[in-house]
Amino acid sequence: MKKKIISLLLAAAMACTMAACGNTGGQGDTSANANTGQEDTDAKGAADAANPDSEGSAAEPEGAGDAAEPVTIKVFSNLTDRKSGQGFVEQTLFDQYMAENPNVTIEVEALDDEAYKTKFKAYASGSSMPDLVNVWGHPSFLDEVIEEGLLAELDQDSYADYGFLSGSLDGFSSDGKLYGLPRNTDVMAFYYNKAIFEEHGWSVPETYADLIQLAKDISAEGIIPCSMDGADKWPVAIYYQDIVTKILGDSQQEVRNSVSTGDFSNPAYKQAAELLQESVEAGLFQNGFETSDYGTAQNLFTNGQSAMFYMGSWDMSMATNEEIPQEVRENIGVFMMPTVEGGSAKVTDIAAWNGGGYAVTQNSAVKDEAVRLLDYMFLPEHWSKVAWENGVCMSAQNYSDFLTGEETSVQVAFTDIIRESTSITGVTFNDLGDSEFKTNSEDLSAELAIGMASPDDFLAQLEEAAK
């Protein structure tokens, strides 16, 4: 009974909270192309365990496996780590699909985010686009791709029973047509090492002033306060937006209007810029954070060199990754960006959205089979179940049926954050414009953080970039 009540609360809260939601999920490892025709033993075992009796769930996609002729589906993915995290979930489902459809071979090319986006542009300018590709449900990425006619339209009605949260498909739609499916509910937060905090008597900060003081206290002990992926720049831009949110509260429409009009005159924008610079000056992030990539920032935290790590909920899989030292993975806590004194926000006004997902390319020679694979991946008992039961991420679908009572403390924390949230950012400001605005806004955020631009210069250039 308790599980049923929790499930109902979660489903209702997530549907309400994520309505009108729009980065993404960084995967820090790099790897060469992965041909998945040869099944990995571990992934196959997980696939067998993740193949439940699906009675009562959404129907199996029609025609799956009907074709007798050999079919090769080429997949372009930004999930390079195939042994853990979302890459593990993706690989598990691919292996399972091939086992159930012996005529199908799935070949995966996987690159980390920035390299992925660069090669995606190269593919887009030629005629050799892979069949199933990763996309982001943000205007800065998807709008131009749709305008170029690169993606196949999906039948939105066919996903009515798939449990996608209210608003989660919006970022993957244009003019009432659906072009992709989201895989995650993404939330930005601070991960922290509870053992380090307890050893030194540190408490989770309640206000932003507390966070700055905490950074100074941690630095005094010779520990990095918070590791930051500054090289990819988008985490810095989201961090800035997170501060804005903790000043303004429910600011989704305000930020959208600012990007569309080029008006960033609201005093909260300058206050947030000043607080970001003050944070860096206080030593909140590691030295040289502006050149540290995702993998480096995560490793500083998982090796116990930093007390905190600012990143998204997709990294909840750190708590179940056995390659991370046990004393770290068993002591991972989560807290949200603290409120700013004098602001109107609550700590429950959060940075959250639906970001990464998948689409089928319009000119694919095996488009029908690629759509069947996509449909198969997002049957409720597939992506949502495998991701949740392996502690990987929160899907963009209602995953309440898969609560086991044995969730990690990190899974529980993020579920509570979503359930208790009072507002969400939706797509963050850096992804609300076109691709040029995205690049400019993220460059400007990085320059602001390291003091290359004053808050006034930052905002003036941001306004210019938005026009």
Protein backbone atom coordinates (compact mmCIF):
# COMPACT_ATOMS: atom_id res chain seq x y z
CA MET A 1 0.00 0.00 0.00
CA LYS A 2 2.82 2.40 0.90
CA LYS A 3 4.51 1.81 -2.46
CA LYS A 4 1.24 2.41 -4.29
CA ILE A 5 0.65 5.71 -2.48
CA ILE A 6 4.21 6.87 -3.20
CA SER A 7 3.79 5.88 -6.84
CA LEU A 8 0.58 7.87 -7.22
CA LEU A 9 2.11 10.92 -5.55
CA LEU A 10 5.19 10.72 -7.75
CA ALA A 11 3.21 10.33 -10.94
CA ALA A 12 0.95 13.27 -10.14
CA ALA A 13 3.76 15.51 -8.95
CA MET A 14 6.02 14.79 -11.90
CA ALA A 15 3.26 15.37 -14.41
CA CYS A 16 2.42 18.70 -12.78
CA THR A 17 5.99 19.82 -12.23
CA MET A 18 7.40 19.00 -15.64
CA ALA A 19 4.55 20.58 -17.59
CA ALA A 20 5.98 23.15 -20.05
CA CYS A 21 9.50 21.74 -19.57
CA GLY A 22 11.94 21.89 -22.42
CA ASN A 23 21.24 19.33 -21.43
CA THR A 24 21.66 17.37 -21.69
CA GLY A 25 23.58 14.57 -20.15
CA GLY A 26 27.33 14.78 -20.17
CA GLN A 27 29.24 11.51 -20.49
CA GLY A 28 32.85 12.14 -19.72
CA ASP A 29 34.58 9.06 -21.12
CA THR A 30 35.77 9.00 -24.72
CA SER A 31 35.85 5.89 -26.86
CA ALA A 32 36.29 4.66 -30.39
CA ASN A 33 33.31 3.58 -32.44
CA ALA A 34 31.47 0.67 -30.87
CA ASN A 35 30.08 -2.09 -33.11
CA THR A 36 27.39 -3.68 -31.00
CA GLY A 37 26.98 -6.75 -33.17
CA GLN A 38 29.10 -8.58 -30.58
CA GLU A 39 27.17 -8.67 -27.33
CA ASP A 40 28.97 -7.77 -24.13
CA THR A 41 28.49 -10.45 -21.49
CA ASP A 42 27.55 -8.04 -18.71
CA ALA A 43 25.16 -6.06 -20.88
CA LYS A 44 23.53 -9.27 -22.14
CA GLY A 45 22.99 -10.47 -18.59
CA ALA A 46 21.37 -7.16 -17.70
CA ALA A 47 19.25 -7.33 -20.84
CA ASP A 48 17.98 -10.78 -19.89
CA ALA A 49 17.10 -9.51 -16.41
CA ALA A 50 15.37 -6.47 -17.90
CA ASN A 51 13.03 -8.46 -20.16
CA PRO A 52 9.91 -8.71 -17.98
CA ASP A 53 6.42 -9.93 -18.73
CA SER A 54 4.97 -6.80 -20.27
CA GLU A 55 1.30 -7.73 -19.90
CA GLY A 56 -0.77 -4.61 -19.24
CA SER A 57 1.87 -2.24 -20.60
CA ALA A 58 2.03 -0.44 -23.91
CA ALA A 59 1.75 -2.79 -26.86
CA GLU A 60 4.87 -4.13 -28.59
CA PRO A 61 5.61 -1.96 -31.66
CA GLU A 62 3.87 -3.50 -34.65
CA GLY A 63 6.06 -5.25 -37.15
CA ALA A 64 9.12 -5.53 -34.89
CA GLY A 65 11.27 -8.32 -36.25
CA ASP A 66 8.93 -9.13 -39.13
CA ALA A 67 11.50 -8.45 -41.84
CA ALA A 68 13.37 -11.58 -42.88
CA GLU A 69 16.08 -9.70 -44.72
CA PRO A 70 19.18 -8.61 -42.77
CA VAL A 71 18.95 -5.02 -41.57
CA THR A 72 21.73 -2.83 -40.17
CA ILE A 73 20.73 0.20 -38.11
CA LYS A 74 23.45 2.78 -37.64
CA VAL A 75 23.19 4.72 -34.38
CA PHE A 76 25.02 7.94 -33.54
CA SER A 77 25.14 8.41 -29.78
CA ASN A 78 26.64 10.82 -27.27
CA LEU A 79 26.84 8.05 -24.64
CA THR A 80 30.41 6.82 -24.85
CA ASP A 81 30.54 4.76 -21.66
CA ARG A 82 28.73 1.51 -22.54
CA LYS A 83 29.37 -0.12 -19.14
CA SER A 84 27.63 2.36 -16.84
CA GLY A 85 25.19 5.25 -16.85
CA GLN A 86 22.84 5.91 -19.75
CA GLY A 87 25.22 4.26 -22.20
CA PHE A 88 24.72 1.02 -20.31
CA VAL A 89 20.94 1.37 -20.57
CA GLU A 90 21.16 2.15 -24.27
CA GLN A 91 23.48 -0.79 -24.93
CA THR A 92 21.32 -3.15 -22.86
CA LEU A 93 18.25 -2.32 -24.94
CA PHE A 94 20.15 -2.59 -28.22
CA ASP A 95 21.46 -6.03 -27.27
CA GLN A 96 18.01 -7.10 -26.19
CA TYR A 97 16.47 -5.88 -29.47
CA MET A 98 19.03 -7.78 -31.53
CA ALA A 99 18.44 -10.93 -29.50
CA GLU A 100 14.71 -10.67 -30.22
CA ASN A 101 15.26 -9.69 -33.87
CA PRO A 102 18.13 -11.87 -35.21
CA ASN A 103 18.00 -10.23 -38.63
CA VAL A 104 18.88 -6.83 -37.14
CA THR A 105 22.38 -5.58 -36.45
CA ILE A 106 22.86 -2.31 -34.57
CA GLU A 107 26.12 -0.45 -35.10
CA VAL A 108 26.93 2.36 -32.68
CA GLU A 109 29.24 5.31 -33.14
CA ALA A 110 29.63 7.10 -29.81
CA LEU A 111 31.36 10.43 -29.16
CA ASP A 112 31.23 12.71 -26.14
CA ASP A 113 28.98 15.77 -26.31
CA GLU A 114 31.13 18.40 -27.98
CA ALA A 115 32.75 16.03 -30.47
CA TYR A 116 29.30 14.62 -31.15
CA LYS A 117 27.84 18.00 -32.01
CA THR A 118 30.76 18.80 -34.30
CA LYS A 119 30.43 15.55 -36.23
CA PHE A 120 26.64 15.85 -36.29
CA LYS A 121 27.08 19.06 -38.27
CA ALA A 122 29.42 17.24 -40.64
CA TYR A 123 26.88 14.46 -41.12
CA ALA A 124 24.10 17.02 -41.64
CA SER A 125 26.00 18.69 -44.47
CA GLY A 126 26.48 15.40 -46.30
CA SER A 127 24.30 12.47 -47.26
CA SER A 128 25.45 9.81 -44.80
CA MET A 129 23.44 10.60 -41.67
CA PRO A 130 23.12 7.57 -39.37
CA ASP A 131 19.63 6.12 -38.94
CA LEU A 132 19.00 6.82 -35.24
CA VAL A 133 20.64 9.86 -33.68
CA ASN A 134 20.85 11.61 -30.34
CA VAL A 135 19.16 15.03 -30.28
CA TRP A 136 18.51 17.66 -27.64
CA GLY A 137 15.01 19.05 -27.19
CA HIS A 138 16.25 22.65 -27.16
CA PRO A 139 15.60 25.35 -29.76
CA SER A 140 19.35 25.94 -30.10
CA PHE A 141 19.86 22.41 -31.39
CA LEU A 142 16.59 21.02 -32.71
CA ASP A 143 14.96 23.95 -34.52
CA GLU A 144 17.61 24.23 -37.18
CA VAL A 145 17.78 20.45 -37.63
CA ILE A 146 14.02 20.30 -38.18
CA GLU A 147 14.09 23.26 -40.56
CA GLU A 148 16.70 21.45 -42.66
CA GLY A 149 14.33 18.47 -42.96
CA LEU A 150 16.80 16.06 -41.40
CA LEU A 151 14.43 14.26 -39.03
CA ALA A 152 11.51 11.95 -39.69
CA GLU A 153 8.11 12.86 -38.27
CA LEU A 154 6.87 10.42 -35.63
CA ASP A 155 3.26 9.41 -35.03
CA GLN A 156 2.52 11.18 -31.75
CA ASP A 157 -0.68 9.19 -31.17
CA SER A 158 1.29 5.94 -31.05
CA TYR A 159 2.95 7.08 -27.80
CA ALA A 160 -0.28 7.81 -25.93
CA ASP A 161 0.24 4.79 -23.65
CA TYR A 162 3.97 5.25 -23.16
CA GLY A 163 3.63 7.36 -20.01
CA PHE A 164 5.55 10.42 -21.19
CA LEU A 165 5.19 13.21 -18.64
CA SER A 166 3.05 16.21 -19.46
CA GLY A 167 5.11 18.67 -21.49
CA SER A 168 8.07 16.32 -21.96
CA LEU A 169 7.47 15.99 -25.72
CA ASP A 170 7.15 19.74 -26.29
CA GLY A 171 10.84 20.35 -26.87
CA PHE A 172 10.91 17.61 -29.49
CA SER A 173 7.93 19.00 -31.41
CA SER A 174 7.45 21.76 -33.96
CA ASP A 175 4.23 23.06 -35.52
CA GLY A 176 2.28 20.27 -33.86
CA LYS A 177 4.52 17.54 -35.28
CA LEU A 178 6.72 15.21 -33.21
CA TYR A 179 10.32 14.57 -34.28
CA GLY A 180 11.96 12.88 -31.30
CA LEU A 181 11.51 11.27 -27.90
CA PRO A 182 13.12 12.48 -24.65
CA ARG A 183 14.90 10.01 -22.43
CA ASN A 184 15.41 11.96 -19.20
CA THR A 185 14.04 14.32 -16.62
CA ASP A 186 17.15 16.41 -15.91
CA VAL A 187 17.79 18.38 -12.71
CA MET A 188 20.94 20.38 -11.88
CA ALA A 189 22.24 20.08 -8.32
CA PHE A 190 25.27 19.88 -6.08
CA TYR A 191 26.49 16.37 -5.31
CA TYR A 192 28.43 16.31 -2.05
CA ASN A 193 30.56 13.84 -0.12
CA LYS A 194 28.67 13.29 3.13
CA ALA A 195 31.67 11.64 4.82
CA ILE A 196 33.93 14.63 4.12
CA PHE A 197 31.23 17.03 5.34
CA GLU A 198 30.69 15.01 8.53
CA GLU A 199 34.40 14.66 9.23
CA HIS A 200 34.87 18.44 9.14
CA GLY A 201 31.56 19.43 10.69
CA TRP A 202 30.30 21.18 7.56
CA SER A 203 26.59 21.61 6.88
CA VAL A 204 24.65 21.86 3.64
CA PRO A 205 24.37 25.62 2.93
CA GLU A 206 20.94 27.18 3.31
CA THR A 207 21.75 30.48 1.59
CA TYR A 208 24.13 31.50 -1.16
CA ALA A 209 26.16 33.45 1.40
CA ASP A 210 26.52 30.18 3.32
CA LEU A 211 27.80 28.50 0.14
CA ILE A 212 30.49 31.13 -0.37
CA GLN A 213 31.59 30.83 3.26
CA LEU A 214 31.59 27.04 2.95
CA ALA A 215 33.88 27.33 -0.09
CA LYS A 216 36.34 29.32 1.97
CA ASP A 217 36.19 26.83 4.85
CA ILE A 218 36.76 23.85 2.58
CA SER A 219 39.63 25.53 0.75
CA ALA A 220 41.29 26.24 4.10
CA GLU A 221 41.46 22.47 4.65
CA GLY A 222 43.30 21.92 1.36
CA ILE A 223 40.26 20.37 -0.34
CA ILE A 224 38.64 21.54 -3.56
CA PRO A 225 35.20 22.88 -2.58
CA CYS A 226 33.33 22.10 -5.81
CA SER A 227 34.53 20.58 -9.07
CA MET A 228 33.15 22.24 -12.19
CA ASP A 229 33.19 21.29 -15.87
CA GLY A 230 34.21 24.67 -17.22
CA ALA A 231 35.68 23.53 -20.51
CA ASP A 232 32.28 22.64 -21.96
CA LYS A 233 30.91 26.03 -20.80
CA TRP A 234 27.24 24.99 -20.71
CA PRO A 235 27.51 23.93 -17.03
CA VAL A 236 28.73 27.45 -16.18
CA ALA A 237 25.83 28.99 -18.10
CA ILE A 238 23.34 26.76 -16.28
CA TYR A 239 25.00 27.59 -12.97
CA TYR A 240 24.43 31.26 -13.73
CA GLN A 241 20.79 30.59 -14.61
CA ASP A 242 20.43 28.58 -11.40
CA ILE A 243 21.47 31.64 -9.39
CA VAL A 244 19.00 33.80 -11.34
CA THR A 245 16.28 31.30 -10.47
CA LYS A 246 17.18 31.47 -6.79
CA ILE A 247 16.69 35.25 -6.92
CA LEU A 248 13.54 35.49 -9.04
CA GLY A 249 11.77 32.23 -8.25
CA ASP A 250 9.45 31.09 -11.03
CA SER A 251 11.29 32.85 -13.85
CA GLN A 252 10.69 30.65 -16.88
CA GLN A 253 8.67 33.24 -18.79
CA GLU A 254 10.94 36.12 -17.71
CA VAL A 255 14.01 34.38 -19.10
CA ARG A 256 12.25 33.38 -22.33
CA ASN A 257 11.18 36.98 -22.84
CA SER A 258 14.71 38.23 -22.21
CA VAL A 259 16.19 35.94 -24.84
CA SER A 260 13.49 36.72 -27.39
CA THR A 261 13.68 40.51 -26.90
CA GLY A 262 17.33 40.94 -25.99
CA ASP A 263 16.38 42.73 -22.76
CA PHE A 264 18.38 41.63 -19.72
CA SER A 265 17.74 44.77 -17.69
CA ASN A 266 16.10 42.94 -14.77
CA PRO A 267 18.41 43.62 -11.77
CA ALA A 268 18.44 39.90 -10.94
CA TYR A 269 20.65 39.22 -13.96
CA LYS A 270 23.38 41.57 -12.74
CA GLN A 271 23.09 40.32 -9.16
CA ALA A 272 23.52 36.74 -10.35
CA ALA A 273 26.54 37.75 -12.44
CA GLU A 274 28.14 39.41 -9.43
CA LEU A 275 27.48 36.36 -7.25
CA LEU A 276 29.06 34.05 -9.84
CA GLN A 277 32.22 36.14 -9.89
CA GLU A 278 32.25 36.36 -6.09
CA SER A 279 32.01 32.57 -5.93
CA VAL A 280 35.00 32.07 -8.19
CA GLU A 281 37.01 34.64 -6.23
CA ALA A 282 36.16 32.74 -3.03
CA GLY A 283 37.68 29.60 -4.56
CA LEU A 284 34.45 27.64 -4.98
CA PHE A 285 35.75 25.84 -8.09
CA GLN A 286 39.08 24.13 -8.73
CA ASN A 287 42.02 26.08 -10.11
CA GLY A 288 41.86 26.04 -13.89
CA PHE A 289 38.23 24.90 -13.89
CA GLU A 290 37.73 26.76 -17.17
CA THR A 291 39.88 24.13 -18.94
CA SER A 292 38.61 21.11 -16.98
CA ASP A 293 36.23 18.91 -18.95
CA TYR A 294 33.38 16.75 -17.67
CA GLY A 295 35.50 13.67 -16.99
CA THR A 296 38.13 15.63 -15.08
CA ALA A 297 35.54 17.40 -12.94
CA GLN A 298 33.73 14.17 -12.12
CA ASN A 299 36.98 12.37 -11.29
CA LEU A 300 37.97 15.07 -8.81
CA PHE A 301 34.77 14.30 -6.93
CA THR A 302 34.78 10.51 -7.24
CA ASN A 303 38.42 10.36 -6.13
CA GLY A 304 37.61 12.39 -3.02
CA GLN A 305 39.63 15.43 -4.08
CA SER A 306 36.61 17.73 -4.15
CA ALA A 307 33.85 17.91 -1.55
CA MET A 308 31.15 18.83 -4.08
CA PHE A 309 30.39 18.47 -7.81
CA TYR A 310 27.88 20.61 -9.72
CA MET A 311 26.18 18.50 -12.37
CA GLY A 312 22.87 17.00 -13.48
CA SER A 313 20.70 14.19 -12.16
CA TRP A 314 21.97 11.90 -14.93
CA ASP A 315 25.04 11.45 -12.74
CA MET A 316 23.03 9.71 -10.01
CA SER A 317 24.59 6.56 -11.46
CA MET A 318 27.78 7.44 -9.55
CA ALA A 319 26.11 5.82 -6.53
CA THR A 320 25.91 2.45 -8.30
CA ASN A 321 29.11 2.57 -10.36
CA GLU A 322 31.43 -0.03 -8.85
CA GLU A 323 34.42 1.56 -10.55
CA ILE A 324 34.04 4.44 -8.09
CA PRO A 325 35.58 3.80 -4.64
CA GLN A 326 33.02 2.39 -2.23
CA GLU A 327 33.73 5.02 0.43
CA VAL A 328 32.73 7.69 -2.12
CA ARG A 329 29.75 6.11 -3.86
CA GLU A 330 28.13 5.16 -0.54
CA ASN A 331 28.44 8.71 0.78
CA ILE A 332 27.00 10.78 -2.06
CA GLY A 333 24.41 13.35 -1.04
CA VAL A 334 22.50 15.92 -3.09
CA PHE A 335 21.37 19.48 -2.42
CA MET A 336 19.92 22.20 -4.59
CA MET A 337 21.35 25.62 -5.34
CA PRO A 338 20.72 27.57 -2.11
CA THR A 339 18.49 30.61 -2.06
CA VAL A 340 19.82 34.15 -2.33
CA GLU A 341 19.12 36.39 0.65
CA GLY A 342 16.63 39.07 -0.31
CA GLY A 343 15.39 37.09 -3.31
CA SER A 344 11.83 35.90 -3.77
CA ALA A 345 12.70 32.29 -4.60
CA LYS A 346 12.41 29.12 -2.57
CA VAL A 347 14.98 26.33 -2.64
CA THR A 348 12.27 24.32 -4.39
CA ASP A 349 12.42 26.61 -7.45
CA ILE A 350 14.76 24.43 -9.47
CA ALA A 351 16.72 24.14 -12.70
CA ALA A 352 15.07 21.20 -14.49
CA TRP A 353 14.08 20.24 -18.02
CA ASN A 354 13.76 17.35 -20.49
CA GLY A 355 16.89 17.41 -22.58
CA GLY A 356 18.57 14.56 -24.42
CA GLY A 357 16.66 12.11 -26.57
CA TYR A 358 16.51 10.32 -29.90
CA ALA A 359 15.25 10.92 -33.44
CA VAL A 360 15.15 8.97 -36.67
CA THR A 361 16.67 10.61 -39.74
CA GLN A 362 14.39 11.42 -42.65
CA ASN A 363 16.59 9.93 -45.38
CA SER A 364 17.43 6.72 -43.55
CA ALA A 365 17.37 3.69 -45.85
CA VAL A 366 16.01 1.62 -42.94
CA LYS A 367 13.69 4.28 -41.50
CA ASP A 368 10.84 1.91 -40.63
CA GLU A 369 13.12 -0.42 -38.69
CA ALA A 370 14.78 2.52 -36.95
CA VAL A 371 11.36 3.76 -35.82
CA ARG A 372 10.52 0.27 -34.54
CA LEU A 373 13.77 0.28 -32.55
CA LEU A 374 12.95 3.71 -31.11
CA ASP A 375 9.45 2.57 -30.17
CA TYR A 376 10.87 -0.55 -28.55
CA MET A 377 13.40 1.42 -26.49
CA PHE A 378 10.68 3.57 -24.95
CA LEU A 379 8.16 0.93 -24.08
CA PRO A 380 7.58 1.80 -20.39
CA GLU A 381 9.10 -1.48 -19.19
CA HIS A 382 12.28 -0.82 -21.16
CA TRP A 383 14.10 2.54 -20.85
CA SER A 384 12.32 3.66 -17.67
CA LYS A 385 12.66 0.32 -15.93
CA VAL A 386 16.27 -0.47 -16.83
CA ALA A 387 17.41 3.11 -16.07
CA TRP A 388 15.66 3.29 -12.72
CA GLU A 389 16.48 -0.20 -11.45
CA ASN A 390 20.16 0.40 -12.23
CA GLY A 391 20.14 3.80 -10.53
CA VAL A 392 21.04 5.61 -13.75
CA CYS A 393 18.59 8.49 -14.19
CA MET A 394 14.98 9.64 -14.01
CA SER A 395 13.29 9.01 -17.33
CA ALA A 396 10.96 11.45 -19.08
CA GLN A 397 8.23 8.87 -18.54
CA ASN A 398 6.33 7.98 -15.40
CA TYR A 399 8.67 5.51 -13.71
CA SER A 400 6.64 5.13 -10.49
CA ASP A 401 5.70 1.53 -11.32
CA PHE A 402 9.35 0.59 -11.01
CA LEU A 403 9.98 1.87 -7.49
CA THR A 404 11.48 -1.02 -5.56
CA GLY A 405 11.99 0.35 -2.06
CA GLU A 406 15.71 -0.33 -2.52
CA GLU A 407 16.60 2.91 -4.29
CA THR A 408 19.90 4.63 -3.54
CA SER A 409 19.78 7.72 -1.37
CA VAL A 410 20.62 9.75 -4.49
CA GLN A 411 17.61 8.37 -6.37
CA VAL A 412 15.39 9.19 -3.41
CA ALA A 413 16.85 12.70 -3.16
CA PHE A 414 16.18 13.57 -6.80
CA THR A 415 12.71 12.05 -6.69
CA ASP A 416 11.93 14.20 -3.65
CA ILE A 417 13.34 17.27 -5.39
CA ILE A 418 11.00 16.78 -8.33
CA ARG A 419 8.01 15.95 -6.12
CA GLU A 420 8.50 18.99 -3.89
CA SER A 421 9.46 21.51 -6.58
CA THR A 422 7.45 24.72 -6.80
CA SER A 423 8.74 25.84 -10.21
CA ILE A 424 11.17 24.75 -12.91
CA THR A 425 13.33 26.63 -15.36
CA GLY A 426 12.47 24.51 -18.37
CA VAL A 427 15.07 24.93 -21.11
CA THR A 428 17.83 27.15 -19.73
CA PHE A 429 18.62 30.54 -21.28
CA ASN A 430 21.68 29.38 -23.23
CA ASP A 431 19.53 26.94 -25.23
CA LEU A 432 16.53 29.19 -25.87
CA GLY A 433 17.92 30.97 -28.90
CA ASP A 434 19.54 29.72 -32.10
CA SER A 435 22.86 27.86 -32.24
CA GLU A 436 24.81 31.12 -32.58
CA PHE A 437 23.21 32.52 -29.43
CA LYS A 438 24.00 29.28 -27.61
CA THR A 439 27.68 29.54 -28.50
CA ASN A 440 27.87 33.24 -27.64
CA SER A 441 25.95 32.97 -24.37
CA GLU A 442 28.08 30.07 -23.14
CA ASP A 443 31.32 31.80 -24.14
CA LEU A 444 30.16 34.93 -22.33
CA SER A 445 29.23 32.94 -19.22
CA ALA A 446 32.71 31.42 -19.12
CA GLU A 447 34.34 34.82 -19.60
CA LEU A 448 32.20 36.26 -16.81
CA ALA A 449 33.18 33.45 -14.45
CA ILE A 450 36.92 33.95 -14.88
CA GLY A 451 36.72 37.74 -14.77
CA MET A 452 37.39 38.44 -18.44
CA ALA A 453 34.11 40.38 -18.56
CA SER A 454 32.48 42.55 -15.90
CA PRO A 455 28.81 41.90 -15.05
CA ASP A 456 27.84 45.01 -17.03
CA ASP A 457 29.87 43.97 -20.07
CA PHE A 458 28.50 40.44 -19.81
CA LEU A 459 24.91 41.64 -19.91
CA ALA A 460 25.54 44.18 -22.67
CA GLN A 461 27.11 41.51 -24.87
CA LEU A 462 24.39 39.04 -23.96
CA GLU A 463 21.75 41.50 -25.09
CA GLU A 464 23.63 42.06 -28.34
CA ALA A 465 23.92 38.32 -28.91
CA ALA A 466 20.17 37.88 -28.43
CA LYS A 467 19.24 40.51 -31.05
